[in-house]
Protein backbone atom coordinates (compact mmCIF):
# COMPACT_ATOMS: atom_id res chain seq x y z
CA UNK A 1 -63.92 -18.49 -172.08
CA UNK A 2 -65.90 -18.03 -175.11
CA UNK A 3 -62.59 -16.69 -177.01
CA UNK A 4 -60.29 -19.59 -176.16
CA UNK A 5 -62.99 -22.02 -177.63
CA UNK A 6 -64.31 -20.24 -180.47
CA UNK A 7 -61.55 -17.33 -181.31
CA UNK A 8 -62.00 -13.65 -181.11
CA UNK A 9 -64.25 -12.93 -184.07
CA UNK A 10 -67.06 -15.48 -183.17
CA UNK A 11 -67.01 -13.80 -179.62
CA UNK A 12 -67.26 -10.01 -181.33
CA UNK A 13 -70.22 -11.39 -183.41
CA UNK A 14 -71.69 -13.01 -180.41
CA UNK A 15 -71.71 -9.82 -178.28
CA UNK A 16 -73.16 -7.90 -181.08
CA UNK A 17 -76.05 -10.08 -181.56
CA UNK A 18 -76.70 -9.99 -177.93
CA UNK A 19 -76.52 -6.74 -177.80
CA UNK A 20 -79.39 -6.17 -180.58
CA UNK A 21 -81.12 -8.67 -178.33
CA UNK A 22 -80.89 -6.72 -175.20
CA UNK A 23 -82.16 -3.56 -177.04
CA UNK A 24 -85.26 -4.94 -178.00
CA UNK A 25 -86.01 -6.27 -174.83
CA UNK A 26 -85.72 -3.34 -173.21
CA UNK A 27 -87.96 -1.70 -175.77
CA UNK A 28 -90.33 -4.20 -175.34
CA UNK A 29 -91.04 -2.91 -171.78
CA UNK A 30 -92.17 0.33 -173.23
CA UNK A 31 -94.09 -0.96 -176.03
CA UNK A 32 -95.98 -2.99 -173.53
CA UNK A 33 -96.79 0.27 -170.82
CA UNK A 34 -94.41 -1.18 -168.36
CA UNK A 35 -92.13 1.88 -168.44
CA UNK A 36 -92.58 5.57 -168.34
CA UNK A 37 -90.47 8.06 -170.52
CA UNK A 38 -87.71 8.25 -168.30
CA UNK A 39 -87.00 4.90 -168.88
CA UNK A 40 -87.42 5.14 -172.43
CA UNK A 41 -85.00 8.05 -172.45
CA UNK A 42 -82.10 5.98 -170.83
CA UNK A 43 -82.71 2.67 -172.58
CA UNK A 44 -82.38 4.61 -175.99
CA UNK A 45 -79.42 6.32 -174.72
CA UNK A 46 -77.62 3.73 -173.46
CA UNK A 47 -78.65 1.09 -175.45
CA UNK A 48 -77.30 3.39 -178.36
CA UNK A 49 -74.06 3.42 -176.31
CA UNK A 50 -74.03 -0.22 -175.85
CA UNK A 51 -74.58 -1.11 -179.52
CA UNK A 52 -71.95 1.80 -180.52
CA UNK A 53 -69.32 -0.36 -178.33
CA UNK A 54 -70.16 -3.42 -179.45
CA UNK A 55 -70.02 -2.51 -183.16
CA UNK A 56 -66.55 -0.89 -182.32
CA UNK A 57 -65.39 -4.10 -180.88
CA UNK A 58 -66.63 -6.05 -183.65
CA UNK A 59 -64.75 -3.59 -186.23
CA UNK A 60 -61.75 -3.34 -184.38
CA UNK A 61 -61.06 -7.63 -184.19
CA UNK A 62 -61.10 -7.83 -180.14
CA UNK A 63 -60.34 -5.64 -177.15
CA UNK A 64 -56.45 -4.29 -176.73
CA UNK A 65 -56.65 -5.13 -173.11
CA UNK A 66 -57.32 -8.72 -174.34
CA UNK A 67 -54.33 -9.15 -176.18
CA UNK A 68 -50.90 -10.88 -175.24
CA UNK A 69 -48.49 -9.15 -173.65
CA UNK A 70 -45.10 -8.73 -174.46
CA UNK A 71 -43.21 -11.74 -172.36
CA UNK A 72 -40.67 -9.53 -170.90
CA UNK A 73 -43.87 -7.52 -169.39
CA UNK A 74 -45.37 -10.53 -167.89
CA UNK A 75 -42.42 -12.52 -166.45
CA UNK A 76 -40.15 -10.63 -163.68
CA UNK A 77 -36.40 -11.97 -164.47
CA UNK A 78 -33.84 -11.72 -161.76
CA UNK A 79 -30.24 -12.60 -162.34
CA UNK A 80 -28.68 -15.74 -160.98
CA UNK A 81 -25.51 -15.25 -159.30
């Protein structure tokens, strides 16, 4: 619902900011010693993928799946006889 209220640029910015926050929280668990090396490796790899996807979304200005379709593709037409 955020794209409807704030627009796509603000939505992609929010996704990027929350992605950075997510990776920081993941790293905090390792720094505190709560988790081991397997968690650290998974957090680094998956966090990097998540950040990369958020960056690509921000640069593209939105997702192609979220763009409106052609009216003819959405509405089934029938002939009246």
